[in-house]
Amino acid sequence: MKYDDASFKIYKEHVDQFDKLFPKGGKKPEPTDWRPMVFKLDGETVALFVIRYQPNERITEIDSFITNDPPTFEGYSGTKMAALFILCDAYRYGSTMEIRFTKNVEDGWVPLTLIAMADALEIELENIGEGIITPKESRMLFIALTGFSVEATNKINEITINGLVSPEHICCLIHSNSYSLEKIEEILLTEENPGLILKDLKCQPSDYLKFNI
C-alpha cells in the first residue's frame, strides 16, 4: 500500500497520541476520542483512517483517510471496508449519519476513492467540496454496500419512511453478524409487517466489526 506522505504523517501522529493516552491494559477510548483504525485483507493493509463521534452536532468526523483497493480483491475492497466501519460506527454512537472530513483529509474534500466508489454505485455525493456526506447519502451508501437487491432496497425505502425502523439499523443487523443478508431480505420481501419485525431485532455493538467484504 502506497501512502501519501502528508496523510500518513497525520495518521501516525494520531497513533502516537493514542498510544500515549490509551496504553495496552489501560483505560479504553471513548467514542469522542480520536481513534486510529487499520484494516487488512490477507495481510495487506487496505485502509487507514482516524475517526471520532462529535456529540455537539451528532456527526462522525474523519481526520485521516487512506485506502487501497488491490486488484486481487473484487471492487473497492479497502474503501468499502473503511466506509462500512464508519457507517456502523456512526449508527452505533447515535450520529445523525452525517460524515464530515476535516481539512486534513484532501484539503477538506470527500476523498476521491469514496467519490469513485459512490459513482460506481450510482450514488451522487453533492457536497464533496465541503467534505460532507449527508445523512441521506450515508443511508444510500449503507444500503448499496450491504448488497441488498433492488426489490429489498425498494422495500427498505418504503418501510423506513414512517420512521418505525431506520435503514442503518437494518444494515447493522447484517454487519453485526446477527443475521444474514438472505434472512433480512426474506423478512423484507415475505412478511406482512417487516418494519415491526426488524425494529425489534437487536444488534450487538461489540460485533459491529464483523462485516464481510
C-alpha atoms as a PDB file:
ATOM      1  CA  MET A   1       0.000   0.000   0.000  1.00  0.00           C
ATOM      2  CA  LYS A   2       1.422   3.386  -1.019  1.00  0.00           C
ATOM      3  CA  TYR A   3       0.891   6.270   1.389  1.00  0.00           C
ATOM      4  CA  ASP A   4       0.537   9.952   0.737  1.00  0.00           C
ATOM      5  CA  ASP A   5       3.243  11.444   2.956  1.00  0.00           C
ATOM      6  CA  ALA A   6       1.086  14.234   4.456  1.00  0.00           C
ATOM      7  CA  SER A   7      -1.895  11.972   5.116  1.00  0.00           C
ATOM      8  CA  PHE A   8       0.216   9.237   6.655  1.00  0.00           C
ATOM      9  CA  LYS A   9       2.014  11.776   8.857  1.00  0.00           C
ATOM     10  CA  ILE A  10      -1.333  12.872  10.311  1.00  0.00           C
ATOM     11  CA  TYR A  11      -2.358   9.252  10.807  1.00  0.00           C
ATOM     12  CA  LYS A  12       0.953   8.434  12.537  1.00  0.00           C
ATOM     13  CA  GLU A  13       0.607  11.460  14.834  1.00  0.00           C
ATOM     14  CA  HIS A  14      -2.796  10.179  15.888  1.00  0.00           C
ATOM     15  CA  VAL A  15      -1.385   6.704  16.524  1.00  0.00           C
ATOM     16  CA  ASP A  16       1.415   8.118  18.696  1.00  0.00           C
ATOM     17  CA  GLN A  17      -1.034  10.255  20.682  1.00  0.00           C
ATOM     18  CA  PHE A  18      -3.469   7.358  21.044  1.00  0.00           C
ATOM     19  CA  ASP A  19      -0.735   5.044  22.349  1.00  0.00           C
ATOM     20  CA  LYS A  20       0.193   7.624  24.999  1.00  0.00           C
ATOM     21  CA  LEU A  21      -3.398   8.200  26.126  1.00  0.00           C
ATOM     22  CA  PHE A  22      -4.520   4.588  25.936  1.00  0.00           C
ATOM     23  CA  PRO A  23      -1.641   2.194  26.677  1.00  0.00           C
ATOM     24  CA  LYS A  24      -2.369  -1.510  26.443  1.00  0.00           C
ATOM     25  CA  GLY A  25      -4.120  -2.693  29.581  1.00  0.00           C
ATOM     26  CA  GLY A  26      -5.134   0.864  30.487  1.00  0.00           C
ATOM     27  CA  LYS A  27      -8.349   2.816  30.073  1.00  0.00           C
ATOM     28  CA  LYS A  28     -10.432   2.411  26.940  1.00  0.00           C
ATOM     29  CA  PRO A  29     -11.054   5.276  24.488  1.00  0.00           C
ATOM     30  CA  GLU A  30     -14.433   6.969  24.385  1.00  0.00           C
ATOM     31  CA  PRO A  31     -16.374   7.400  21.120  1.00  0.00           C
ATOM     32  CA  THR A  32     -15.484  11.109  21.297  1.00  0.00           C
ATOM     33  CA  ASP A  33     -11.734  10.349  21.265  1.00  0.00           C
ATOM     34  CA  TRP A  34      -9.845  10.217  18.008  1.00  0.00           C
ATOM     35  CA  ARG A  35      -9.423   6.501  17.215  1.00  0.00           C
ATOM     36  CA  PRO A  36      -6.888   5.449  14.555  1.00  0.00           C
ATOM     37  CA  MET A  37      -8.031   2.375  12.644  1.00  0.00           C
ATOM     38  CA  VAL A  38      -6.198  -0.054  10.382  1.00  0.00           C
ATOM     39  CA  PHE A  39      -7.737  -2.818   8.250  1.00  0.00           C
ATOM     40  CA  LYS A  40      -6.020  -5.620   6.365  1.00  0.00           C
ATOM     41  CA  LEU A  41      -7.067  -8.253   3.837  1.00  0.00           C
ATOM     42  CA  ASP A  42      -4.858 -11.348   3.599  1.00  0.00           C
ATOM     43  CA  GLY A  43      -2.129  -9.461   5.422  1.00  0.00           C
ATOM     44  CA  GLU A  44      -2.212  -6.447   3.096  1.00  0.00           C
ATOM     45  CA  THR A  45      -3.094  -3.058   4.575  1.00  0.00           C
ATOM     46  CA  VAL A  46      -6.123  -1.697   2.731  1.00  0.00           C
ATOM     47  CA  ALA A  47      -7.403   1.101   4.977  1.00  0.00           C
ATOM     48  CA  LEU A  48      -6.029   3.606   7.474  1.00  0.00           C
ATOM     49  CA  PHE A  49      -8.252   6.297   8.958  1.00  0.00           C
ATOM     50  CA  VAL A  50      -8.954   8.227  12.142  1.00  0.00           C
ATOM     51  CA  ILE A  51     -12.499   8.593  13.453  1.00  0.00           C
ATOM     52  CA  ARG A  52     -14.452  10.137  16.315  1.00  0.00           C
ATOM     53  CA  TYR A  53     -18.039  10.920  17.268  1.00  0.00           C
ATOM     54  CA  GLN A  54     -18.680  14.645  17.689  1.00  0.00           C
ATOM     55  CA  PRO A  55     -21.634  14.904  20.113  1.00  0.00           C
ATOM     56  CA  ASN A  56     -22.354  18.632  19.815  1.00  0.00           C
ATOM     57  CA  GLU A  57     -23.522  18.250  16.230  1.00  0.00           C
ATOM     58  CA  ARG A  58     -24.076  14.482  16.428  1.00  0.00           C
ATOM     59  CA  ILE A  59     -21.829  13.824  13.441  1.00  0.00           C
ATOM     60  CA  THR A  60     -18.960  11.471  12.680  1.00  0.00           C
ATOM     61  CA  GLU A  61     -15.628  13.160  11.925  1.00  0.00           C
ATOM     62  CA  ILE A  62     -12.722  11.739   9.937  1.00  0.00           C
ATOM     63  CA  ASP A  63      -9.258  13.324  10.296  1.00  0.00           C
ATOM     64  CA  SER A  64      -7.203  10.997   8.086  1.00  0.00           C
ATOM     65  CA  PHE A  65      -8.388   8.645   5.347  1.00  0.00           C
ATOM     66  CA  ILE A  66      -6.134   6.409   3.246  1.00  0.00           C
ATOM     67  CA  THR A  67      -7.430   3.383   1.379  1.00  0.00           C
ATOM     68  CA  ASN A  68      -6.089   0.842  -1.062  1.00  0.00           C
ATOM     69  CA  ASP A  69      -8.192  -1.297  -3.409  1.00  0.00           C
ATOM     70  CA  PRO A  70      -5.885  -4.106  -4.556  1.00  0.00           C
ATOM     71  CA  PRO A  71      -6.779  -5.765  -7.865  1.00  0.00           C
ATOM     72  CA  THR A  72      -6.629  -9.170  -6.152  1.00  0.00           C
ATOM     73  CA  PHE A  73      -9.936  -8.344  -4.419  1.00  0.00           C
ATOM     74  CA  GLU A  74     -13.182  -7.565  -6.184  1.00  0.00           C
ATOM     75  CA  GLY A  75     -14.421  -3.979  -6.249  1.00  0.00           C
ATOM     76  CA  TYR A  76     -13.410  -1.169  -3.937  1.00  0.00           C
ATOM     77  CA  SER A  77     -12.338  -3.547  -1.180  1.00  0.00           C
ATOM     78  CA  GLY A  78     -10.333  -1.230   1.092  1.00  0.00           C
ATOM     79  CA  THR A  79     -12.596   1.762   0.552  1.00  0.00           C
ATOM     80  CA  LYS A  80     -15.669  -0.410   1.132  1.00  0.00           C
ATOM     81  CA  MET A  81     -14.237  -1.801   4.364  1.00  0.00           C
ATOM     82  CA  ALA A  82     -13.453   1.679   5.667  1.00  0.00           C
ATOM     83  CA  ALA A  83     -16.850   3.045   4.624  1.00  0.00           C
ATOM     84  CA  LEU A  84     -18.769   0.203   6.257  1.00  0.00           C
ATOM     85  CA  PHE A  85     -16.897   0.617   9.526  1.00  0.00           C
ATOM     86  CA  ILE A  86     -17.528   4.365   9.522  1.00  0.00           C
ATOM     87  CA  LEU A  87     -21.231   3.890   8.811  1.00  0.00           C
ATOM     88  CA  CYS A  88     -21.616   1.214  11.505  1.00  0.00           C
ATOM     89  CA  ASP A  89     -19.735   3.407  13.968  1.00  0.00           C
ATOM     90  CA  ALA A  90     -21.980   6.373  13.174  1.00  0.00           C
ATOM     91  CA  TYR A  91     -25.090   4.300  13.874  1.00  0.00           C
ATOM     92  CA  ARG A  92     -23.615   2.715  16.984  1.00  0.00           C
ATOM     93  CA  TYR A  93     -22.993   6.044  18.714  1.00  0.00           C
ATOM     94  CA  GLY A  94     -26.185   7.838  17.713  1.00  0.00           C
ATOM     95  CA  SER A  95     -24.925  10.045  14.904  1.00  0.00           C
ATOM     96  CA  THR A  96     -27.340  11.687  12.500  1.00  0.00           C
ATOM     97  CA  MET A  97     -25.343   9.669   9.925  1.00  0.00           C
ATOM     98  CA  GLU A  98     -23.634  12.797   8.604  1.00  0.00           C
ATOM     99  CA  ILE A  99     -19.963  12.110   7.880  1.00  0.00           C
ATOM    100  CA  ARG A 100     -17.622  15.078   7.862  1.00  0.00           C
ATOM    101  CA  PHE A 101     -13.986  15.097   6.714  1.00  0.00           C
ATOM    102  CA  THR A 102     -11.618  17.623   8.279  1.00  0.00           C
ATOM    103  CA  LYS A 103      -9.241  19.895   6.401  1.00  0.00           C
ATOM    104  CA  ASN A 104      -6.544  17.270   6.954  1.00  0.00           C
ATOM    105  CA  VAL A 105      -8.319  14.947   4.505  1.00  0.00           C
ATOM    106  CA  GLU A 106      -7.652  16.014   0.909  1.00  0.00           C
ATOM    107  CA  ASP A 107      -7.955  19.704   1.849  1.00  0.00           C
ATOM    108  CA  GLY A 108     -11.407  19.190   3.326  1.00  0.00           C
ATOM    109  CA  TRP A 109     -12.913  17.339   0.370  1.00  0.00           C
ATOM    110  CA  VAL A 110     -14.604  13.957   0.398  1.00  0.00           C
ATOM    111  CA  PRO A 111     -11.806  11.502  -0.513  1.00  0.00           C
ATOM    112  CA  LEU A 112     -11.500  10.641  -4.202  1.00  0.00           C
ATOM    113  CA  THR A 113     -11.688   6.911  -3.539  1.00  0.00           C
ATOM    114  CA  LEU A 114     -15.046   7.364  -1.790  1.00  0.00           C
ATOM    115  CA  ILE A 115     -16.331   9.522  -4.635  1.00  0.00           C
ATOM    116  CA  ALA A 116     -15.278   6.876  -7.184  1.00  0.00           C
ATOM    117  CA  MET A 117     -16.940   4.119  -5.183  1.00  0.00           C
ATOM    118  CA  ALA A 118     -20.151   6.134  -4.829  1.00  0.00           C
ATOM    119  CA  ASP A 119     -20.127   6.822  -8.581  1.00  0.00           C
ATOM    120  CA  ALA A 120     -19.782   3.096  -9.262  1.00  0.00           C
ATOM    121  CA  LEU A 121     -22.842   2.546  -7.061  1.00  0.00           C
ATOM    122  CA  GLU A 122     -24.689   5.316  -8.951  1.00  0.00           C
ATOM    123  CA  ILE A 123     -24.905   7.469  -5.814  1.00  0.00           C
ATOM    124  CA  GLU A 124     -24.214  11.165  -6.299  1.00  0.00           C
ATOM    125  CA  LEU A 125     -22.451  12.948  -3.436  1.00  0.00           C
ATOM    126  CA  GLU A 126     -23.498  16.584  -3.609  1.00  0.00           C
ATOM    127  CA  ASN A 127     -21.192  18.193  -1.028  1.00  0.00           C
ATOM    128  CA  ILE A 128     -17.789  16.789  -1.885  1.00  0.00           C
ATOM    129  CA  GLY A 129     -16.110  20.212  -1.818  1.00  0.00           C
ATOM    130  CA  GLU A 130     -17.368  20.784   1.727  1.00  0.00           C
ATOM    131  CA  GLY A 131     -16.111  17.391   2.871  1.00  0.00           C
ATOM    132  CA  ILE A 132     -19.602  16.227   3.847  1.00  0.00           C
ATOM    133  CA  ILE A 133     -21.578  13.070   3.207  1.00  0.00           C
ATOM    134  CA  THR A 134     -25.144  13.883   4.180  1.00  0.00           C
ATOM    135  CA  PRO A 135     -27.337  11.545   6.257  1.00  0.00           C
ATOM    136  CA  LYS A 136     -29.408  10.686   3.184  1.00  0.00           C
ATOM    137  CA  GLU A 137     -26.281   9.878   1.154  1.00  0.00           C
ATOM    138  CA  SER A 138     -24.854   7.806   4.021  1.00  0.00           C
ATOM    139  CA  ARG A 139     -28.007   5.707   4.155  1.00  0.00           C
ATOM    140  CA  MET A 140     -27.956   5.186   0.394  1.00  0.00           C
ATOM    141  CA  LEU A 141     -24.310   4.101   0.574  1.00  0.00           C
ATOM    142  CA  PHE A 142     -25.022   1.805   3.514  1.00  0.00           C
ATOM    143  CA  ILE A 143     -27.829   0.012   1.685  1.00  0.00           C
ATOM    144  CA  ALA A 144     -25.837  -0.294  -1.543  1.00  0.00           C
ATOM    145  CA  LEU A 145     -22.649  -1.505   0.164  1.00  0.00           C
ATOM    146  CA  THR A 146     -24.588  -4.067   2.175  1.00  0.00           C
ATOM    147  CA  GLY A 147     -25.668  -5.662  -1.091  1.00  0.00           C
ATOM    148  CA  PHE A 148     -29.459  -5.579  -0.953  1.00  0.00           C
ATOM    149  CA  SER A 149     -31.365  -6.493  -4.096  1.00  0.00           C
ATOM    150  CA  VAL A 150     -33.386  -3.852  -5.937  1.00  0.00           C
ATOM    151  CA  GLU A 151     -36.610  -5.320  -4.547  1.00  0.00           C
ATOM    152  CA  ALA A 152     -35.314  -5.308  -0.966  1.00  0.00           C
ATOM    153  CA  THR A 153     -33.956  -1.776  -1.372  1.00  0.00           C
ATOM    154  CA  ASN A 154     -37.365  -0.583  -2.538  1.00  0.00           C
ATOM    155  CA  LYS A 155     -38.983  -2.253   0.479  1.00  0.00           C
ATOM    156  CA  ILE A 156     -36.445  -0.648   2.853  1.00  0.00           C
ATOM    157  CA  ASN A 157     -37.247   2.765   1.395  1.00  0.00           C
ATOM    158  CA  GLU A 158     -40.941   2.040   1.775  1.00  0.00           C
ATOM    159  CA  ILE A 159     -40.905   0.880   5.398  1.00  0.00           C
ATOM    160  CA  THR A 160     -38.439   3.482   6.677  1.00  0.00           C
ATOM    161  CA  ILE A 161     -40.441   6.494   5.524  1.00  0.00           C
ATOM    162  CA  ASN A 162     -42.594   6.425   8.671  1.00  0.00           C
ATOM    163  CA  GLY A 163     -39.550   6.272  10.953  1.00  0.00           C
ATOM    164  CA  LEU A 164     -40.500   2.948  12.518  1.00  0.00           C
ATOM    165  CA  VAL A 165     -37.102   1.484  11.670  1.00  0.00           C
ATOM    166  CA  SER A 166     -34.064   3.129  10.092  1.00  0.00           C
ATOM    167  CA  PRO A 167     -32.050   1.900   7.090  1.00  0.00           C
ATOM    168  CA  GLU A 168     -28.900   1.951   9.217  1.00  0.00           C
ATOM    169  CA  HIS A 169     -30.488  -0.348  11.798  1.00  0.00           C
ATOM    170  CA  ILE A 170     -31.420  -2.830   9.074  1.00  0.00           C
ATOM    171  CA  CYS A 171     -27.894  -2.733   7.617  1.00  0.00           C
ATOM    172  CA  CYS A 172     -26.229  -3.151  11.005  1.00  0.00           C
ATOM    173  CA  LEU A 173     -28.288  -6.257  11.715  1.00  0.00           C
ATOM    174  CA  ILE A 174     -26.247  -7.837   8.948  1.00  0.00           C
ATOM    175  CA  HIS A 175     -22.863  -6.298   9.694  1.00  0.00           C
ATOM    176  CA  SER A 176     -23.072  -7.341  13.347  1.00  0.00           C
ATOM    177  CA  ASN A 177     -23.361 -10.916  12.068  1.00  0.00           C
ATOM    178  CA  SER A 178     -26.642 -11.147  13.965  1.00  0.00           C
ATOM    179  CA  TYR A 179     -28.491 -12.070  10.767  1.00  0.00           C
ATOM    180  CA  SER A 180     -27.554 -12.943   7.212  1.00  0.00           C
ATOM    181  CA  LEU A 181     -28.368 -10.773   4.230  1.00  0.00           C
ATOM    182  CA  GLU A 182     -30.563 -13.582   2.924  1.00  0.00           C
ATOM    183  CA  LYS A 183     -32.566 -13.736   6.174  1.00  0.00           C
ATOM    184  CA  ILE A 184     -33.169  -9.979   6.283  1.00  0.00           C
ATOM    185  CA  GLU A 185     -34.221  -9.968   2.616  1.00  0.00           C
ATOM    186  CA  GLU A 186     -36.619 -12.819   3.365  1.00  0.00           C
ATOM    187  CA  ILE A 187     -38.220 -10.776   6.140  1.00  0.00           C
ATOM    188  CA  LEU A 188     -38.400  -7.689   3.944  1.00  0.00           C
ATOM    189  CA  LEU A 189     -39.981  -9.449   0.982  1.00  0.00           C
ATOM    190  CA  THR A 190     -42.272 -12.034   2.568  1.00  0.00           C
ATOM    191  CA  GLU A 191     -43.518 -10.691   5.903  1.00  0.00           C
ATOM    192  CA  GLU A 192     -46.679  -8.612   6.114  1.00  0.00           C
ATOM    193  CA  ASN A 193     -45.168  -6.084   8.562  1.00  0.00           C
ATOM    194  CA  PRO A 194     -41.384  -6.316   8.109  1.00  0.00           C
ATOM    195  CA  GLY A 195     -40.742  -2.966   9.784  1.00  0.00           C
ATOM    196  CA  LEU A 196     -42.252  -4.160  13.065  1.00  0.00           C
ATOM    197  CA  ILE A 197     -40.166  -7.334  12.978  1.00  0.00           C
ATOM    198  CA  LEU A 198     -36.890  -5.619  12.090  1.00  0.00           C
ATOM    199  CA  LYS A 199     -37.404  -2.899  14.692  1.00  0.00           C
ATOM    200  CA  ASP A 200     -37.344  -5.481  17.461  1.00  0.00           C
ATOM    201  CA  LEU A 201     -34.240  -7.333  16.253  1.00  0.00           C
ATOM    202  CA  LYS A 202     -31.127  -6.402  18.209  1.00  0.00           C
ATOM    203  CA  CYS A 203     -27.547  -5.765  17.171  1.00  0.00           C
ATOM    204  CA  GLN A 204     -24.607  -6.479  19.434  1.00  0.00           C
ATOM    205  CA  PRO A 205     -22.336  -3.384  19.417  1.00  0.00           C
ATOM    206  CA  SER A 206     -19.229  -5.446  20.109  1.00  0.00           C
ATOM    207  CA  ASP A 207     -19.837  -7.314  16.853  1.00  0.00           C
ATOM    208  CA  TYR A 208     -20.027  -4.329  14.532  1.00  0.00           C
ATOM    209  CA  LEU A 209     -16.608  -5.043  13.066  1.00  0.00           C
ATOM    210  CA  LYS A 210     -17.532  -8.497  11.790  1.00  0.00           C
ATOM    211  CA  PHE A 211     -18.783  -7.430   8.382  1.00  0.00           C
ATOM    212  CA  ASN A 212     -17.609  -9.353   5.348  1.00  0.00           C
ATOM    213  CA  ILE A 213     -16.070  -7.826   2.234  1.00  0.00           C
END
